[in-house]
Protein backbone atom coordinates (compact mmCIF):
# COMPACT_ATOMS: atom_id res chain seq x y z
CA MET A 1 -18.38 29.79 4.43
CA ARG A 2 -15.54 31.14 6.55
CA ILE A 3 -12.60 28.77 6.92
CA ALA A 4 -9.57 29.24 9.16
CA VAL A 5 -6.64 27.20 7.86
CA VAL A 6 -3.98 26.41 10.45
CA SER A 7 -0.97 24.89 8.73
CA GLU A 8 2.32 23.62 10.12
CA SER A 9 3.91 24.70 6.84
CA PHE A 10 3.30 27.46 4.30
CA LEU A 11 5.05 29.47 1.64
CA PRO A 12 7.89 30.05 0.97
CA THR A 13 8.50 26.53 2.32
CA VAL A 14 7.50 24.12 -0.43
CA ASN A 15 6.44 20.59 0.48
CA GLY A 16 3.39 18.38 0.27
CA VAL A 17 1.56 20.16 3.09
CA THR A 18 2.12 23.62 1.58
CA THR A 19 1.08 22.45 -1.89
CA SER A 20 -2.16 20.92 -0.61
CA VAL A 21 -3.00 24.00 1.46
CA CYS A 22 -2.44 26.30 -1.52
CA ARG A 23 -4.65 24.14 -3.73
CA VAL A 24 -7.41 24.22 -1.11
CA LEU A 25 -7.10 28.00 -0.81
CA ASP A 26 -7.25 28.34 -4.60
CA HIS A 27 -10.51 26.39 -4.65
CA LEU A 28 -12.00 28.36 -1.76
CA ALA A 29 -11.15 31.63 -3.52
CA ASP A 30 -12.60 30.45 -6.82
CA GLU A 31 -15.83 29.37 -5.12
CA GLY A 32 -16.29 32.63 -3.20
CA HIS A 33 -15.54 31.41 0.32
CA GLU A 34 -13.67 33.48 2.93
CA ALA A 35 -10.50 32.17 4.53
CA ILE A 36 -7.44 33.05 6.58
CA VAL A 37 -4.17 31.20 7.09
CA ILE A 38 -2.32 30.81 10.40
CA CYS A 39 1.21 29.47 9.99
CA PRO A 40 4.71 29.58 11.53
CA ASP A 41 6.69 32.79 11.06
CA ALA A 42 9.05 31.83 8.25
CA GLY A 43 8.77 34.63 5.71
CA ALA A 44 5.27 33.86 4.45
CA PRO A 45 3.51 36.37 2.20
CA ALA A 46 1.06 38.78 3.85
CA GLU A 47 -1.78 37.28 1.83
CA TYR A 48 -2.56 34.50 -0.59
CA ARG A 49 -5.35 34.76 -3.18
CA GLY A 50 -6.75 37.69 -1.22
CA PHE A 51 -6.78 35.72 2.06
CA ARG A 52 -4.82 37.22 4.94
CA VAL A 53 -1.89 35.17 6.23
CA HIS A 54 -1.16 35.40 9.97
CA GLN A 55 2.28 34.31 11.13
CA VAL A 56 2.91 33.22 14.71
CA PRO A 57 6.27 32.80 16.48
CA SER A 58 8.29 29.78 15.42
CA PHE A 59 11.71 28.20 15.64
CA ALA A 60 13.71 26.34 13.03
CA TYR A 61 14.31 22.64 13.60
CA ARG A 62 16.39 20.77 10.99
CA GLN A 63 15.27 23.10 8.19
CA PHE A 64 11.61 22.98 9.32
CA PRO A 65 9.89 26.07 10.79
CA VAL A 66 7.92 24.88 13.84
CA GLY A 67 5.11 27.06 15.17
CA LEU A 68 5.17 27.81 18.90
CA PRO A 69 2.09 27.96 21.15
CA SER A 70 0.83 31.53 21.09
CA PRO A 71 -2.25 33.33 22.48
CA GLN A 72 -2.48 34.95 19.06
CA VAL A 73 -4.10 31.82 17.63
CA GLN A 74 -7.29 32.04 19.67
CA ARG A 75 -7.50 35.81 19.21
CA ILE A 76 -7.18 35.45 15.43
CA LEU A 77 -9.82 32.72 15.30
CA SER A 78 -12.21 34.69 17.46
CA SER A 79 -11.76 37.88 15.44
CA PHE A 80 -12.25 36.09 12.12
CA GLY A 81 -15.45 34.35 13.16
CA ALA A 82 -14.65 31.07 11.44
CA ASP A 83 -17.36 28.55 10.60
CA VAL A 84 -14.81 25.74 10.56
CA LEU A 85 -11.12 25.19 11.28
CA HIS A 86 -8.93 23.27 8.81
CA ALA A 87 -5.83 21.89 10.58
CA ALA A 88 -3.26 20.87 7.98
CA SER A 89 -0.98 18.10 9.23
CA PRO A 90 -1.43 19.20 12.87
CA PHE A 91 1.54 18.93 15.22
CA LEU A 92 2.27 21.77 17.66
CA LEU A 93 0.57 24.74 16.00
CA GLY A 94 -2.26 22.62 14.67
CA ALA A 95 -2.90 21.09 18.08
CA GLN A 96 -3.20 24.56 19.55
CA GLY A 97 -5.52 25.61 16.74
CA ILE A 98 -7.84 22.65 17.36
CA ALA A 99 -7.89 23.33 21.11
CA ALA A 100 -8.64 27.02 20.56
CA ALA A 101 -11.42 26.15 18.10
CA ASN A 102 -13.01 23.85 20.68
CA ARG A 103 -12.96 26.61 23.31
CA LEU A 104 -14.66 28.91 20.80
CA GLY A 105 -17.21 26.30 19.71
CA ILE A 106 -15.78 26.09 16.17
CA PRO A 107 -15.87 22.63 14.54
CA SER A 108 -12.59 21.38 13.12
CA VAL A 109 -11.30 19.09 10.39
CA ALA A 110 -7.78 17.70 10.82
CA ILE A 111 -5.83 16.57 7.75
CA TYR A 112 -3.47 13.70 8.53
CA GLN A 113 -0.57 14.11 6.15
CA THR A 114 2.67 13.50 8.01
CA ASP A 115 3.84 10.33 9.73
CA VAL A 116 4.42 12.10 13.06
CA ALA A 117 5.67 8.97 14.82
CA GLY A 118 8.20 8.32 12.07
CA PHE A 119 9.26 11.98 11.99
CA ALA A 120 9.82 12.00 15.75
CA ARG A 121 11.85 8.81 15.60
CA ARG A 122 14.04 9.96 12.69
CA ASN A 123 14.64 13.50 13.90
CA GLY A 124 15.62 12.90 17.50
CA LEU A 125 12.61 14.46 19.23
CA GLY A 126 13.04 12.16 22.21
CA MET A 127 9.77 10.38 21.52
CA THR A 128 9.39 6.64 21.12
CA SER A 129 6.88 5.46 18.56
CA ALA A 130 4.42 4.58 21.34
CA ILE A 131 4.64 8.07 22.85
CA ALA A 132 4.40 9.70 19.44
CA TRP A 133 1.25 7.75 18.59
CA LYS A 134 -0.29 8.77 21.92
CA TYR A 135 0.40 12.37 20.97
CA VAL A 136 -1.13 11.84 17.53
CA ARG A 137 -4.24 10.35 19.14
CA TRP A 138 -4.51 13.26 21.58
CA VAL A 139 -4.24 15.84 18.78
CA HIS A 140 -6.71 14.16 16.44
CA ASP A 141 -9.23 13.22 19.13
CA GLY A 142 -9.72 16.96 19.64
CA ALA A 143 -10.92 17.38 16.04
CA ASP A 144 -14.48 16.72 14.92
CA LEU A 145 -13.18 14.76 11.93
CA THR A 146 -9.79 13.52 10.76
CA LEU A 147 -9.28 13.03 7.04
CA VAL A 148 -6.74 10.38 6.02
CA PRO A 149 -5.20 10.08 2.54
CA SER A 150 -4.81 6.31 2.23
CA SER A 151 -5.92 2.93 3.53
CA ALA A 152 -2.53 2.44 5.17
CA SER A 153 -2.74 5.69 7.15
CA GLU A 154 -6.36 4.91 8.10
CA TYR A 155 -5.23 1.56 9.47
CA ASP A 156 -2.40 3.20 11.43
CA LEU A 157 -4.70 5.78 13.01
CA ARG A 158 -7.41 3.28 13.87
CA THR A 159 -4.78 1.02 15.44
CA ALA A 160 -3.60 4.02 17.48
CA GLY A 161 -7.16 4.56 18.71
CA VAL A 162 -8.08 7.64 16.69
CA GLN A 163 -11.80 7.84 15.98
CA ARG A 164 -14.00 9.86 13.59
CA LEU A 165 -12.01 9.11 10.44
CA ALA A 166 -12.85 9.55 6.76
CA ARG A 167 -10.84 9.18 3.56
CA TRP A 168 -9.78 12.24 1.58
CA GLY A 169 -7.09 11.94 -1.06
CA ARG A 170 -5.21 14.61 -2.96
CA GLY A 171 -5.89 16.14 -6.32
CA VAL A 172 -3.60 16.37 -9.31
CA ASP A 173 -3.30 19.06 -11.97
CA LEU A 174 -4.42 17.18 -15.06
CA GLU A 175 -3.62 20.06 -17.39
CA ARG A 176 -0.12 20.83 -16.15
CA TYR A 177 0.90 17.17 -15.97
CA HIS A 178 -0.03 15.67 -19.33
CA PRO A 179 1.51 13.17 -21.78
CA ASN A 180 1.42 15.86 -24.48
CA ASN A 181 4.19 17.70 -22.61
CA ARG A 182 6.64 15.32 -24.26
CA ARG A 183 6.24 17.36 -27.43
CA THR A 184 7.24 20.64 -25.79
CA ARG A 185 10.59 22.28 -26.43
CA ALA A 186 11.45 22.27 -22.71
CA ALA A 187 10.92 18.53 -22.40
CA SER A 188 12.81 17.83 -25.62
CA ASP A 189 15.79 19.92 -24.50
CA LEU A 190 15.90 18.19 -21.13
CA ARG A 191 15.56 14.82 -22.80
CA GLU A 192 18.62 15.54 -24.94
CA GLN A 193 20.55 16.37 -21.78
CA LEU A 194 19.47 13.23 -19.92
CA SER A 195 19.50 10.80 -22.83
CA PRO A 196 22.11 11.89 -25.39
CA ASP A 197 22.60 8.34 -26.62
CA GLY A 198 19.04 7.09 -26.33
CA GLU A 199 19.23 5.95 -22.71
CA LEU A 200 15.98 5.30 -20.86
CA VAL A 201 15.46 7.83 -18.07
CA VAL A 202 14.37 6.63 -14.64
CA GLY A 203 13.20 9.64 -12.66
CA TYR A 204 12.59 10.45 -9.01
CA VAL A 205 10.79 13.56 -7.72
CA GLY A 206 10.66 14.59 -4.07
CA ARG A 207 12.65 15.68 -1.06
CA VAL A 208 16.01 14.05 -0.70
CA ALA A 209 15.57 13.19 2.95
CA PRO A 210 16.28 10.06 5.02
CA GLU A 211 12.64 8.93 5.06
CA LYS A 212 12.47 9.09 1.25
CA GLN A 213 15.16 6.39 0.93
CA VAL A 214 16.39 7.75 -2.40
CA GLU A 215 19.69 5.92 -1.94
CA ARG A 216 17.80 2.74 -2.85
CA LEU A 217 18.17 3.78 -6.47
CA ALA A 218 21.74 2.51 -6.11
CA ALA A 219 20.14 -0.90 -6.76
CA LEU A 220 20.10 0.12 -10.44
CA ARG A 221 23.89 0.24 -10.59
CA GLY A 222 25.23 -1.40 -13.75
CA MET A 223 21.88 -1.48 -15.53
CA ARG A 224 22.61 -0.94 -19.20
CA ASP A 225 21.25 2.02 -21.18
CA VAL A 226 19.65 3.64 -18.12
CA HIS A 227 20.15 7.18 -16.83
CA ILE A 228 18.80 8.35 -13.48
CA ALA A 229 17.37 11.84 -12.95
CA ILE A 230 16.67 13.19 -9.46
CA VAL A 231 14.41 16.20 -8.99
CA GLY A 232 14.61 17.67 -5.50
CA ASP A 233 17.04 18.45 -2.74
CA GLY A 234 17.31 17.99 0.98
CA PRO A 235 19.41 16.96 3.96
CA ALA A 236 20.23 13.48 2.64
CA ARG A 237 21.70 14.61 -0.66
CA SER A 238 25.31 13.87 0.31
CA THR A 239 24.34 10.42 1.58
CA VAL A 240 22.47 9.62 -1.62
CA ALA A 241 25.25 11.01 -3.81
CA SER A 242 27.77 8.86 -1.98
CA ALA A 243 25.64 5.72 -2.40
CA MET A 244 25.28 6.42 -6.13
CA ARG A 245 28.84 7.57 -6.84
CA GLY A 246 29.95 6.47 -10.29
CA MET A 247 26.42 5.91 -11.58
CA PRO A 248 24.90 7.91 -14.48
CA VAL A 249 22.90 10.37 -12.37
CA THR A 250 21.76 13.94 -13.11
CA TRP A 251 20.69 16.12 -10.20
CA LEU A 252 18.09 18.58 -11.45
CA GLY A 253 17.49 20.31 -8.11
CA ARG A 254 14.16 21.66 -6.96
CA LEU A 255 11.71 22.29 -9.77
CA GLY A 256 8.16 23.55 -9.90
CA GLY A 257 5.46 24.61 -12.31
CA ALA A 258 6.21 24.13 -16.01
CA ASP A 259 9.81 23.06 -15.26
CA LEU A 260 8.58 20.16 -13.12
CA ALA A 261 6.03 19.16 -15.75
CA ALA A 262 8.80 19.12 -18.37
CA ALA A 263 10.93 16.92 -16.12
CA TYR A 264 8.18 14.30 -15.81
CA ALA A 265 7.74 14.48 -19.58
CA ALA A 266 11.45 13.73 -20.07
CA PHE A 267 11.24 10.54 -17.98
CA ASP A 268 10.44 7.04 -19.25
CA ILE A 269 9.83 5.44 -15.85
CA PHE A 270 9.01 6.94 -12.47
CA ALA A 271 10.63 5.36 -9.42
CA HIS A 272 9.21 5.96 -5.96
CA THR A 273 11.52 4.76 -3.22
CA GLY A 274 10.11 5.66 0.22
CA SER A 275 8.14 3.08 2.19
CA GLU A 276 6.73 5.50 4.78
CA GLU A 277 4.57 7.74 2.57
CA THR A 278 1.12 8.57 3.89
CA PHE A 279 0.03 9.27 0.30
CA GLY A 280 2.47 9.74 -2.60
CA GLN A 281 1.49 12.84 -4.56
CA THR A 282 4.36 12.52 -7.04
CA ILE A 283 2.97 9.14 -8.10
CA GLN A 284 -0.24 10.87 -9.18
CA GLU A 285 1.73 13.51 -11.06
CA ALA A 286 3.73 10.78 -12.81
CA HIS A 287 0.54 8.95 -13.76
CA ALA A 288 -1.03 12.17 -15.04
CA SER A 289 2.10 12.58 -17.19
CA GLY A 290 1.60 9.11 -18.68
CA LEU A 291 4.44 7.33 -16.87
CA PRO A 292 4.55 3.79 -15.48
CA VAL A 293 5.46 3.74 -11.78
CA VAL A 294 7.63 1.42 -9.72
CA ALA A 295 6.97 1.78 -5.97
CA PRO A 296 7.09 -0.14 -2.66
CA ARG A 297 4.06 -2.12 -1.61
CA ALA A 298 3.69 0.03 1.50
CA GLY A 299 1.86 3.15 2.64
CA GLY A 300 0.13 5.41 0.15
CA PRO A 301 1.38 3.73 -3.05
CA ILE A 302 -0.78 0.68 -2.29
CA ASP A 303 -3.86 2.75 -3.17
CA LEU A 304 -2.29 4.61 -6.09
CA VAL A 305 -0.56 1.88 -8.08
CA GLU A 306 -2.49 -1.08 -9.47
CA HIS A 307 0.19 -3.73 -9.76
CA GLY A 308 0.59 -4.99 -13.29
CA VAL A 309 -1.83 -2.39 -14.69
CA ASP A 310 -0.34 1.09 -14.27
CA GLY A 311 2.86 0.18 -12.49
CA LEU A 312 4.71 -2.37 -10.41
CA LEU A 313 4.76 -2.73 -6.62
CA PHE A 314 7.74 -4.40 -5.00
CA PRO A 315 8.09 -5.70 -1.43
CA SER A 316 9.20 -2.89 0.86
CA GLY A 317 12.89 -3.14 1.61
CA ASP A 318 13.66 -5.50 -1.27
CA ASP A 319 16.11 -3.59 -3.46
CA SER A 320 16.56 -6.54 -5.80
CA ALA A 321 12.81 -6.42 -6.50
CA LEU A 322 13.08 -2.68 -7.19
CA ARG A 323 15.80 -3.44 -9.72
CA ALA A 324 13.76 -6.25 -11.26
CA GLY A 325 10.71 -4.01 -11.63
CA VAL A 326 12.66 -1.27 -13.35
CA GLY A 327 14.41 -3.86 -15.50
CA MET A 328 11.09 -5.32 -16.66
CA LEU A 329 9.93 -1.90 -17.84
CA VAL A 330 13.28 -1.04 -19.42
CA SER A 331 13.15 -4.19 -21.55
CA ASP A 332 9.52 -3.85 -22.70
CA PRO A 333 8.53 -0.60 -24.44
CA GLY A 334 5.00 -1.89 -25.06
CA LEU A 335 4.51 -2.51 -21.35
CA ARG A 336 5.76 1.00 -20.55
CA LEU A 337 3.27 2.48 -23.00
CA ARG A 338 0.31 0.43 -21.71
CA MET A 339 1.04 1.16 -18.08
CA GLY A 340 1.59 4.85 -18.79
CA GLU A 341 -1.78 5.11 -20.54
CA ALA A 342 -3.48 3.21 -17.71
CA GLY A 343 -1.91 5.56 -15.16
CA ARG A 344 -3.31 8.59 -16.97
CA ARG A 345 -6.79 7.03 -17.02
CA ALA A 346 -6.54 6.21 -13.31
CA VAL A 347 -6.18 9.86 -12.26
CA LEU A 348 -8.74 11.46 -14.60
CA GLY A 349 -11.31 11.65 -11.78
CA ARG A 350 -8.89 13.19 -9.29
CA SER A 351 -8.66 16.82 -10.38
CA TRP A 352 -8.14 19.32 -7.57
CA SER A 353 -11.59 20.81 -8.15
CA VAL A 354 -13.22 17.42 -7.52
CA ILE A 355 -11.07 16.66 -4.49
CA CYS A 356 -11.54 20.12 -2.94
CA GLU A 357 -15.29 19.96 -3.41
CA GLU A 358 -15.21 16.75 -1.39
CA LEU A 359 -13.35 18.67 1.30
CA VAL A 360 -16.00 21.41 1.39
CA HIS A 361 -18.64 18.69 1.91
CA HIS A 362 -16.62 17.46 4.90
CA TYR A 363 -16.60 21.03 6.26
CA GLU A 364 -20.38 21.18 5.90
CA GLN A 365 -20.74 17.80 7.59
CA VAL A 366 -18.86 18.78 10.75
CA ILE A 367 -20.71 22.11 10.97
CA VAL A 368 -24.08 20.33 10.85
CA THR A 369 -22.95 17.57 13.23
CA ARG A 370 -21.67 20.09 15.77
CA ALA A 371 -24.90 22.14 15.53
CA ASP A 372 -27.04 19.00 15.97
CA ALA A 373 -25.01 17.99 19.03
CA ILE A 374 -25.49 21.41 20.61
CA GLN A 375 -29.25 21.27 19.99
CA ARG A 376 -29.43 17.75 21.44
CA ILE A 377 -27.58 18.83 24.58
CA GLY A 378 -29.91 21.82 24.90
CA ARG A 379 -32.98 19.59 24.70
CA GLU A 380 -31.56 17.16 27.24
CA ARG A 381 -30.88 19.97 29.68
CA ALA A 382 -34.36 21.41 29.13
CA TYR A 383 -35.96 18.10 30.08
CA SER A 384 -33.62 17.29 32.98
């Protein structure tokens, strides 16, 4: 199969969209498929896993490279001869990719991964939520199928009038993120840094951006024998640092690979703060690492955390409930252990190979559906 991946984000930019796209490309390469990547011009490599990467003109908006409409997109798709188009978190570039695919008769699968309405509202794009949702509907109605990561995002899109929806989650690296990492030298060294006097470590992993609401960890102020570790960086760091001034906090910066796995292994509890997540990939990584999770009862975490089994869900916006949830786990080591083990069991069927094979089946589905529709139209015209 020949797959054209149009992504609003790609390397060297690292975020949830880029990570998912790279995992999909890894699977396609391993299974012998052909692919290309079309992404904004932001210093991307010329190829990835042997797949050519095409960059199109872009501009930077608040640290995000945004792809501009370009006639290159249709020319690239036509030259490649794609069987299907994969639009990763389509916004401007993805919308153009879907439109070009339709003109060329190429079926498309759109991956809903970013709360576009929320992004527009927070970043001053001059779009009300109503207008933003109309734009989302217009973009996704052009695709043959839209894949949503959670029940909450499916509800949002159906409410906005988007049709042809199916669920597709995200995979997790079950080998990299593993409870056994606690025995590694890297995790032990980090643990000594974060917990020199036996403190329990409450960790956060992700962008430090307004929508992530990391400043809510200030609700843990004054909690005894607790140290907070923050992995990540972003535009809201100064705001978060100000809110948490005087608290025992270690900023570990952006981490990846083995360093990120060691960080999870050095935590005792994982705290997820944002209430606008379409999925919540770091929750899966924490579960794979054997950690109990405390998260808002909103968005993606609703599907990922079974309250009272592998973590605790608190009412969105209730910082006192966040504190109470963390406090319950801090005071009960047996509960932490049971929830951590349950979290690991919960993700055992969500390896990237399993999840990406589901995606390939969705590709095959839209190819067959599009071909059947063309044959049906041909028969109707023949008999008219």
